[in-house]
Amino acid sequence: MSKVLRVVENALIFALLAGTVLVILAQVFFRYALEQPLSWSNEVATDLLVYIAFVGFAIGIRDNAHVALHLFERRIGARTRRWLRVAELLVLGVVLACIGIGGAMYLWEQRDVVSPVGIPLWAAFLPLPLGAVLGLIHIVTHIVDLARGADVPEVVEVAA
């Protein structure tokens, strides 16, 4: 299932990025070449960027590129480092659960509302619970792996 989810997430982020580029290019073409700007392109591009942010956040969790507390990791033992990573993932999971639940509640409240250009607001808020669910799946997977004795990924140095 993990490999299938990875492929689906990668395909989804690619489609979202391609869609954003196409919408922006269409807007530029219609505005400057045809002098007939599209009324919906800014809203669609913005909504696609929100999808990219939340799906990308889930991919970041999947690939261990999320925010983590690396200050003490080199000074502590492997077992303590494993428990510290589990604590980090649990805190991140609580934050994601709150975002997902809040987003789902707002999505439900706005299910009949349509934006001025005709896009249902539920579609604009769908990335919050979607990204949260994907991220939580990866968090649970990482915690299970750590509980089974997997090593904590090494800290990657970032040049300033």
N, C-alpha and C. Protein backbone atom coordinates (compact mmCIF):
# COMPACT_ATOMS: atom_id res chain seq x y z
N MET A 1 0.82 -1.19 0.00
CA MET A 1 0.00 0.00 0.00
C MET A 1 0.86 1.26 0.00
N SER A 2 1.99 1.19 0.69
CA SER A 2 2.87 2.35 0.79
C SER A 2 3.39 2.78 -0.59
N LYS A 3 3.74 1.80 -1.42
CA LYS A 3 4.24 2.11 -2.75
C LYS A 3 3.15 2.71 -3.62
N VAL A 4 1.93 2.18 -3.49
CA VAL A 4 0.80 2.70 -4.26
C VAL A 4 0.51 4.14 -3.84
N LEU A 5 0.51 4.39 -2.53
CA LEU A 5 0.26 5.74 -2.03
C LEU A 5 1.34 6.71 -2.51
N ARG A 6 2.58 6.26 -2.53
CA ARG A 6 3.68 7.09 -3.01
C ARG A 6 3.47 7.48 -4.47
N VAL A 7 3.08 6.52 -5.29
CA VAL A 7 2.84 6.79 -6.71
C VAL A 7 1.66 7.74 -6.88
N VAL A 8 0.60 7.51 -6.13
CA VAL A 8 -0.59 8.37 -6.23
C VAL A 8 -0.24 9.80 -5.80
N GLU A 9 0.47 9.94 -4.69
CA GLU A 9 0.85 11.28 -4.22
C GLU A 9 1.75 11.99 -5.22
N ASN A 10 2.72 11.27 -5.75
CA ASN A 10 3.62 11.89 -6.73
C ASN A 10 2.87 12.29 -8.00
N ALA A 11 1.96 11.43 -8.46
CA ALA A 11 1.17 11.77 -9.64
C ALA A 11 0.25 12.96 -9.36
N LEU A 12 -0.33 12.98 -8.17
CA LEU A 12 -1.23 14.08 -7.80
C LEU A 12 -0.47 15.40 -7.73
N ILE A 13 0.70 15.41 -7.12
CA ILE A 13 1.46 16.67 -7.02
C ILE A 13 1.92 17.12 -8.40
N PHE A 14 2.28 16.18 -9.27
CA PHE A 14 2.66 16.52 -10.63
C PHE A 14 1.48 17.14 -11.38
N ALA A 15 0.31 16.51 -11.25
CA ALA A 15 -0.89 17.04 -11.93
C ALA A 15 -1.26 18.41 -11.40
N LEU A 16 -1.15 18.61 -10.10
CA LEU A 16 -1.46 19.92 -9.52
C LEU A 16 -0.50 21.00 -10.00
N LEU A 17 0.78 20.66 -10.02
CA LEU A 17 1.78 21.63 -10.52
C LEU A 17 1.57 21.94 -11.99
N ALA A 18 1.32 20.91 -12.79
CA ALA A 18 1.07 21.11 -14.22
C ALA A 18 -0.20 21.93 -14.43
N GLY A 19 -1.23 21.64 -13.66
CA GLY A 19 -2.47 22.40 -13.76
C GLY A 19 -2.27 23.86 -13.43
N THR A 20 -1.49 24.13 -12.39
CA THR A 20 -1.20 25.52 -12.01
C THR A 20 -0.48 26.24 -13.13
N VAL A 21 0.53 25.61 -13.68
CA VAL A 21 1.29 26.22 -14.78
C VAL A 21 0.38 26.48 -15.98
N LEU A 22 -0.45 25.51 -16.32
CA LEU A 22 -1.35 25.68 -17.47
C LEU A 22 -2.36 26.80 -17.26
N VAL A 23 -2.91 26.89 -16.05
CA VAL A 23 -3.87 27.96 -15.76
C VAL A 23 -3.19 29.32 -15.87
N ILE A 24 -2.01 29.44 -15.34
CA ILE A 24 -1.29 30.73 -15.39
C ILE A 24 -0.91 31.07 -16.82
N LEU A 25 -0.43 30.09 -17.58
CA LEU A 25 -0.09 30.35 -18.98
C LEU A 25 -1.33 30.73 -19.79
N ALA A 26 -2.46 30.08 -19.51
CA ALA A 26 -3.69 30.43 -20.21
C ALA A 26 -4.09 31.86 -19.89
N GLN A 27 -3.95 32.24 -18.62
CA GLN A 27 -4.29 33.62 -18.24
C GLN A 27 -3.39 34.63 -18.96
N VAL A 28 -2.11 34.36 -19.02
CA VAL A 28 -1.19 35.26 -19.72
C VAL A 28 -1.56 35.34 -21.19
N PHE A 29 -1.83 34.22 -21.82
CA PHE A 29 -2.19 34.21 -23.24
C PHE A 29 -3.49 34.99 -23.49
N PHE A 30 -4.50 34.68 -22.69
CA PHE A 30 -5.79 35.35 -22.90
C PHE A 30 -5.70 36.85 -22.59
N ARG A 31 -4.94 37.21 -21.58
CA ARG A 31 -4.86 38.62 -21.21
C ARG A 31 -4.06 39.43 -22.22
N TYR A 32 -2.88 38.93 -22.64
CA TYR A 32 -1.99 39.73 -23.46
C TYR A 32 -2.11 39.46 -24.96
N ALA A 33 -2.42 38.24 -25.34
CA ALA A 33 -2.53 37.95 -26.77
C ALA A 33 -3.94 38.23 -27.29
N LEU A 34 -4.94 37.85 -26.52
CA LEU A 34 -6.33 38.02 -26.97
C LEU A 34 -7.03 39.23 -26.34
N GLU A 35 -6.38 39.83 -25.36
CA GLU A 35 -6.92 40.98 -24.62
C GLU A 35 -8.30 40.66 -24.03
N GLN A 36 -8.49 39.42 -23.61
CA GLN A 36 -9.73 38.96 -22.96
C GLN A 36 -9.34 38.14 -21.72
N PRO A 37 -9.02 38.80 -20.61
CA PRO A 37 -8.56 38.05 -19.43
C PRO A 37 -9.61 37.08 -18.91
N LEU A 38 -9.15 35.98 -18.39
CA LEU A 38 -10.04 34.97 -17.81
C LEU A 38 -10.47 35.41 -16.41
N SER A 39 -11.74 35.32 -16.11
CA SER A 39 -12.24 35.78 -14.81
C SER A 39 -11.95 34.79 -13.68
N TRP A 40 -11.70 33.55 -14.01
CA TRP A 40 -11.58 32.50 -13.01
C TRP A 40 -10.15 32.06 -12.73
N SER A 41 -9.19 32.51 -13.51
CA SER A 41 -7.84 31.93 -13.43
C SER A 41 -7.13 32.21 -12.11
N ASN A 42 -7.27 33.39 -11.55
CA ASN A 42 -6.59 33.69 -10.28
C ASN A 42 -7.10 32.80 -9.16
N GLU A 43 -8.41 32.62 -9.10
CA GLU A 43 -8.98 31.79 -8.04
C GLU A 43 -8.58 30.33 -8.21
N VAL A 44 -8.61 29.83 -9.42
CA VAL A 44 -8.23 28.44 -9.67
C VAL A 44 -6.75 28.22 -9.35
N ALA A 45 -5.90 29.15 -9.78
CA ALA A 45 -4.46 29.02 -9.50
C ALA A 45 -4.20 29.04 -7.99
N THR A 46 -4.90 29.91 -7.28
CA THR A 46 -4.74 29.98 -5.82
C THR A 46 -5.21 28.69 -5.16
N ASP A 47 -6.35 28.18 -5.59
CA ASP A 47 -6.85 26.92 -5.02
C ASP A 47 -5.89 25.77 -5.30
N LEU A 48 -5.33 25.73 -6.50
CA LEU A 48 -4.36 24.68 -6.84
C LEU A 48 -3.11 24.79 -5.97
N LEU A 49 -2.68 26.01 -5.67
CA LEU A 49 -1.51 26.18 -4.81
C LEU A 49 -1.78 25.71 -3.38
N VAL A 50 -3.01 25.87 -2.92
CA VAL A 50 -3.36 25.34 -1.59
C VAL A 50 -3.30 23.82 -1.60
N TYR A 51 -3.81 23.20 -2.67
CA TYR A 51 -3.69 21.75 -2.81
C TYR A 51 -2.22 21.33 -2.82
N ILE A 52 -1.40 22.05 -3.57
CA ILE A 52 0.02 21.72 -3.65
C ILE A 52 0.66 21.81 -2.27
N ALA A 53 0.31 22.83 -1.50
CA ALA A 53 0.89 23.01 -0.17
C ALA A 53 0.56 21.83 0.75
N PHE A 54 -0.70 21.41 0.77
CA PHE A 54 -1.09 20.36 1.71
C PHE A 54 -0.69 18.97 1.25
N VAL A 55 -0.76 18.70 -0.03
CA VAL A 55 -0.27 17.41 -0.52
C VAL A 55 1.26 17.38 -0.40
N GLY A 56 1.91 18.49 -0.68
CA GLY A 56 3.36 18.59 -0.52
C GLY A 56 3.79 18.41 0.92
N PHE A 57 2.98 18.92 1.84
CA PHE A 57 3.28 18.73 3.26
C PHE A 57 3.25 17.25 3.62
N ALA A 58 2.25 16.54 3.11
CA ALA A 58 2.17 15.10 3.36
C ALA A 58 3.37 14.37 2.76
N ILE A 59 3.78 14.78 1.56
CA ILE A 59 4.96 14.17 0.93
C ILE A 59 6.21 14.48 1.76
N GLY A 60 6.29 15.68 2.31
CA GLY A 60 7.41 16.02 3.19
C GLY A 60 7.48 15.13 4.41
N ILE A 61 6.33 14.80 4.98
CA ILE A 61 6.30 13.88 6.11
C ILE A 61 6.74 12.50 5.66
N ARG A 62 6.23 12.07 4.53
CA ARG A 62 6.58 10.75 3.99
C ARG A 62 8.08 10.60 3.80
N ASP A 63 8.72 11.66 3.28
CA ASP A 63 10.15 11.61 2.97
C ASP A 63 11.04 12.14 4.09
N ASN A 64 10.48 12.30 5.28
CA ASN A 64 11.22 12.82 6.44
C ASN A 64 11.85 14.18 6.17
N ALA A 65 11.14 15.02 5.46
CA ALA A 65 11.63 16.37 5.18
C ALA A 65 10.83 17.40 5.98
N HIS A 66 10.11 16.93 7.00
CA HIS A 66 9.29 17.81 7.81
C HIS A 66 10.13 18.47 8.90
N VAL A 67 9.52 19.40 9.59
CA VAL A 67 10.19 20.09 10.70
C VAL A 67 10.38 19.10 11.83
N ALA A 68 11.58 19.07 12.36
CA ALA A 68 11.88 18.16 13.47
C ALA A 68 12.90 18.82 14.39
N LEU A 69 12.99 18.33 15.59
CA LEU A 69 13.89 18.88 16.59
C LEU A 69 15.24 18.17 16.48
N HIS A 70 16.17 18.79 15.76
CA HIS A 70 17.48 18.18 15.53
C HIS A 70 18.56 18.72 16.45
N LEU A 71 18.21 19.61 17.35
CA LEU A 71 19.19 20.27 18.18
C LEU A 71 20.02 19.29 19.02
N PHE A 72 19.36 18.29 19.60
CA PHE A 72 20.04 17.37 20.51
C PHE A 72 20.28 15.99 19.94
N GLU A 73 19.83 15.73 18.74
CA GLU A 73 19.84 14.36 18.22
C GLU A 73 21.24 13.75 18.16
N ARG A 74 22.24 14.53 17.90
CA ARG A 74 23.59 13.96 17.79
C ARG A 74 24.22 13.68 19.15
N ARG A 75 23.63 14.23 20.19
CA ARG A 75 24.20 14.09 21.54
C ARG A 75 23.52 13.00 22.36
N ILE A 76 22.50 12.37 21.81
CA ILE A 76 21.76 11.37 22.58
C ILE A 76 21.88 10.00 21.91
N GLY A 77 21.57 8.98 22.67
CA GLY A 77 21.67 7.62 22.16
C GLY A 77 20.58 7.29 21.17
N ALA A 78 20.73 6.16 20.52
CA ALA A 78 19.80 5.74 19.47
C ALA A 78 18.39 5.51 20.03
N ARG A 79 18.29 4.90 21.20
CA ARG A 79 16.96 4.62 21.77
C ARG A 79 16.26 5.92 22.15
N THR A 80 16.97 6.83 22.78
CA THR A 80 16.38 8.12 23.16
C THR A 80 16.01 8.91 21.91
N ARG A 81 16.87 8.83 20.91
CA ARG A 81 16.58 9.53 19.65
C ARG A 81 15.31 8.98 19.01
N ARG A 82 15.11 7.68 19.10
CA ARG A 82 13.90 7.06 18.55
C ARG A 82 12.66 7.58 19.28
N TRP A 83 12.72 7.66 20.61
CA TRP A 83 11.57 8.15 21.38
C TRP A 83 11.33 9.64 21.15
N LEU A 84 12.39 10.39 20.97
CA LEU A 84 12.25 11.81 20.65
C LEU A 84 11.55 11.97 19.31
N ARG A 85 11.91 11.17 18.32
CA ARG A 85 11.27 11.24 17.01
C ARG A 85 9.80 10.84 17.10
N VAL A 86 9.49 9.83 17.93
CA VAL A 86 8.09 9.45 18.11
C VAL A 86 7.30 10.62 18.72
N ALA A 87 7.88 11.29 19.72
CA ALA A 87 7.22 12.44 20.33
C ALA A 87 7.01 13.55 19.31
N GLU A 88 8.02 13.82 18.47
CA GLU A 88 7.88 14.83 17.42
C GLU A 88 6.74 14.47 16.48
N LEU A 89 6.69 13.20 16.07
CA LEU A 89 5.64 12.75 15.15
C LEU A 89 4.26 12.83 15.80
N LEU A 90 4.18 12.54 17.08
CA LEU A 90 2.88 12.63 17.77
C LEU A 90 2.39 14.08 17.83
N VAL A 91 3.30 15.01 18.13
CA VAL A 91 2.91 16.43 18.15
C VAL A 91 2.47 16.86 16.76
N LEU A 92 3.24 16.49 15.76
CA LEU A 92 2.88 16.81 14.38
C LEU A 92 1.53 16.18 14.02
N GLY A 93 1.29 14.97 14.49
CA GLY A 93 0.02 14.30 14.24
C GLY A 93 -1.16 15.03 14.87
N VAL A 94 -0.98 15.54 16.07
CA VAL A 94 -2.05 16.30 16.73
C VAL A 94 -2.35 17.57 15.94
N VAL A 95 -1.31 18.27 15.50
CA VAL A 95 -1.50 19.48 14.70
C VAL A 95 -2.24 19.15 13.41
N LEU A 96 -1.80 18.10 12.73
CA LEU A 96 -2.46 17.69 11.49
C LEU A 96 -3.91 17.28 11.72
N ALA A 97 -4.17 16.57 12.80
CA ALA A 97 -5.54 16.16 13.11
C ALA A 97 -6.42 17.39 13.32
N CYS A 98 -5.90 18.39 14.02
CA CYS A 98 -6.67 19.62 14.24
C CYS A 98 -6.94 20.34 12.92
N ILE A 99 -5.93 20.42 12.07
CA ILE A 99 -6.12 21.05 10.76
C ILE A 99 -7.14 20.28 9.94
N GLY A 100 -7.01 18.97 9.93
CA GLY A 100 -7.93 18.13 9.16
C GLY A 100 -9.36 18.21 9.66
N ILE A 101 -9.54 18.14 10.97
CA ILE A 101 -10.89 18.20 11.54
C ILE A 101 -11.49 19.59 11.32
N GLY A 102 -10.71 20.62 11.58
CA GLY A 102 -11.21 21.98 11.35
C GLY A 102 -11.55 22.22 9.89
N GLY A 103 -10.69 21.76 9.00
CA GLY A 103 -10.95 21.90 7.57
C GLY A 103 -12.18 21.13 7.13
N ALA A 104 -12.36 19.93 7.66
CA ALA A 104 -13.53 19.12 7.31
C ALA A 104 -14.81 19.76 7.83
N MET A 105 -14.75 20.34 9.04
CA MET A 105 -15.93 21.00 9.59
C MET A 105 -16.30 22.22 8.74
N TYR A 106 -15.31 23.00 8.39
CA TYR A 106 -15.58 24.19 7.58
C TYR A 106 -16.05 23.79 6.18
N LEU A 107 -15.44 22.76 5.64
CA LEU A 107 -15.86 22.23 4.34
C LEU A 107 -17.34 21.84 4.39
N TRP A 108 -17.74 21.16 5.45
CA TRP A 108 -19.13 20.73 5.58
C TRP A 108 -20.07 21.93 5.72
N GLU A 109 -19.65 22.92 6.50
CA GLU A 109 -20.48 24.12 6.67
C GLU A 109 -20.66 24.89 5.37
N GLN A 110 -19.67 24.86 4.51
CA GLN A 110 -19.69 25.63 3.26
C GLN A 110 -20.05 24.77 2.05
N ARG A 111 -20.63 23.61 2.27
CA ARG A 111 -20.88 22.67 1.17
C ARG A 111 -21.82 23.19 0.10
N ASP A 112 -22.69 24.14 0.45
CA ASP A 112 -23.64 24.68 -0.53
C ASP A 112 -23.25 26.05 -1.05
N VAL A 113 -22.10 26.57 -0.61
CA VAL A 113 -21.68 27.92 -0.99
C VAL A 113 -20.78 27.83 -2.21
N VAL A 114 -20.98 28.77 -3.12
CA VAL A 114 -20.20 28.81 -4.36
C VAL A 114 -19.50 30.17 -4.42
N SER A 115 -18.25 30.17 -4.88
CA SER A 115 -17.50 31.43 -5.00
C SER A 115 -18.08 32.27 -6.14
N PRO A 116 -17.69 33.53 -6.21
CA PRO A 116 -18.22 34.40 -7.27
C PRO A 116 -17.96 33.89 -8.70
N VAL A 117 -16.93 33.09 -8.88
CA VAL A 117 -16.66 32.58 -10.23
C VAL A 117 -17.24 31.19 -10.44
N GLY A 118 -17.96 30.67 -9.45
CA GLY A 118 -18.67 29.41 -9.62
C GLY A 118 -18.00 28.17 -9.06
N ILE A 119 -16.91 28.32 -8.32
CA ILE A 119 -16.22 27.17 -7.72
C ILE A 119 -16.83 26.90 -6.35
N PRO A 120 -17.28 25.67 -6.09
CA PRO A 120 -17.82 25.36 -4.76
C PRO A 120 -16.74 25.53 -3.70
N LEU A 121 -17.10 26.14 -2.57
CA LEU A 121 -16.11 26.37 -1.52
C LEU A 121 -15.60 25.07 -0.91
N TRP A 122 -16.41 24.01 -0.95
CA TRP A 122 -15.93 22.74 -0.41
C TRP A 122 -14.69 22.28 -1.18
N ALA A 123 -14.64 22.57 -2.48
CA ALA A 123 -13.49 22.17 -3.28
C ALA A 123 -12.25 22.94 -2.89
N ALA A 124 -12.43 24.18 -2.46
CA ALA A 124 -11.29 25.00 -2.05
C ALA A 124 -10.76 24.58 -0.69
N PHE A 125 -11.61 23.99 0.16
CA PHE A 125 -11.17 23.58 1.49
C PHE A 125 -10.88 22.09 1.60
N LEU A 126 -11.08 21.34 0.54
CA LEU A 126 -10.80 19.91 0.54
C LEU A 126 -9.33 19.57 0.81
N PRO A 127 -8.37 20.40 0.38
CA PRO A 127 -6.97 20.00 0.64
C PRO A 127 -6.61 19.94 2.12
N LEU A 128 -7.33 20.63 2.99
CA LEU A 128 -7.00 20.57 4.42
C LEU A 128 -7.21 19.17 4.98
N PRO A 129 -8.43 18.60 4.89
CA PRO A 129 -8.55 17.23 5.39
C PRO A 129 -7.80 16.21 4.54
N LEU A 130 -7.70 16.44 3.24
CA LEU A 130 -6.97 15.51 2.37
C LEU A 130 -5.49 15.44 2.78
N GLY A 131 -4.85 16.59 2.88
CA GLY A 131 -3.45 16.63 3.28
C GLY A 131 -3.24 16.09 4.69
N ALA A 132 -4.20 16.39 5.58
CA ALA A 132 -4.09 15.89 6.95
C ALA A 132 -4.16 14.36 6.99
N VAL A 133 -5.10 13.78 6.25
CA VAL A 133 -5.23 12.32 6.23
C VAL A 133 -3.98 11.67 5.65
N LEU A 134 -3.49 12.21 4.53
CA LEU A 134 -2.27 11.66 3.93
C LEU A 134 -1.09 11.77 4.90
N GLY A 135 -0.95 12.94 5.53
CA GLY A 135 0.13 13.13 6.50
C GLY A 135 0.01 12.20 7.69
N LEU A 136 -1.21 12.01 8.19
CA LEU A 136 -1.41 11.12 9.33
C LEU A 136 -1.09 9.66 8.97
N ILE A 137 -1.39 9.27 7.76
CA ILE A 137 -1.03 7.92 7.32
C ILE A 137 0.48 7.75 7.39
N HIS A 138 1.22 8.75 6.92
CA HIS A 138 2.69 8.66 6.95
C HIS A 138 3.23 8.72 8.38
N ILE A 139 2.60 9.51 9.22
CA ILE A 139 3.04 9.59 10.62
C ILE A 139 2.85 8.24 11.30
N VAL A 140 1.69 7.62 11.11
CA VAL A 140 1.45 6.30 11.72
C VAL A 140 2.46 5.29 11.19
N THR A 141 2.72 5.33 9.89
CA THR A 141 3.70 4.41 9.30
C THR A 141 5.08 4.61 9.93
N HIS A 142 5.50 5.87 10.08
CA HIS A 142 6.81 6.14 10.69
C HIS A 142 6.86 5.67 12.14
N ILE A 143 5.79 5.91 12.90
CA ILE A 143 5.76 5.50 14.31
C ILE A 143 5.82 3.98 14.42
N VAL A 144 5.07 3.29 13.57
CA VAL A 144 5.11 1.82 13.58
C VAL A 144 6.52 1.32 13.24
N ASP A 145 7.14 1.92 12.24
CA ASP A 145 8.51 1.53 11.87
C ASP A 145 9.47 1.76 13.03
N LEU A 146 9.34 2.91 13.71
CA LEU A 146 10.22 3.20 14.85
C LEU A 146 9.96 2.24 16.01
N ALA A 147 8.70 1.89 16.23
CA ALA A 147 8.37 0.94 17.31
C ALA A 147 8.94 -0.44 17.01
N ARG A 148 9.07 -0.76 15.73
CA ARG A 148 9.65 -2.05 15.34
C ARG A 148 11.17 -2.03 15.33
N GLY A 149 11.77 -0.90 15.68
CA GLY A 149 13.22 -0.83 15.79
C GLY A 149 13.94 -0.17 14.64
N ALA A 150 13.23 0.46 13.73
CA ALA A 150 13.89 1.14 12.61
C ALA A 150 14.76 2.28 13.13
N ASP A 151 15.82 2.55 12.41
CA ASP A 151 16.69 3.65 12.79
C ASP A 151 16.04 4.99 12.46
N VAL A 152 16.35 5.98 13.27
CA VAL A 152 15.89 7.35 13.00
C VAL A 152 16.72 7.88 11.84
N PRO A 153 16.07 8.49 10.85
CA PRO A 153 16.84 9.04 9.72
C PRO A 153 17.88 10.04 10.20
N GLU A 154 19.00 10.05 9.54
CA GLU A 154 20.09 10.96 9.89
C GLU A 154 19.69 12.41 9.67
N VAL A 155 20.28 13.27 10.48
CA VAL A 155 20.06 14.70 10.33
C VAL A 155 20.83 15.19 9.11
N VAL A 156 20.14 15.91 8.25
CA VAL A 156 20.76 16.44 7.04
C VAL A 156 21.20 17.88 7.34
N GLU A 157 22.46 18.15 7.10
CA GLU A 157 22.98 19.50 7.30
C GLU A 157 22.49 20.41 6.18
N VAL A 158 22.04 21.58 6.57
CA VAL A 158 21.58 22.56 5.60
C VAL A 158 22.55 23.73 5.62
N ALA A 159 23.09 24.07 4.45
CA ALA A 159 24.03 25.19 4.39
C ALA A 159 23.29 26.50 4.60
N ALA A 160 23.90 27.38 5.34
CA ALA A 160 23.25 28.68 5.63
C ALA A 160 23.42 29.64 4.51
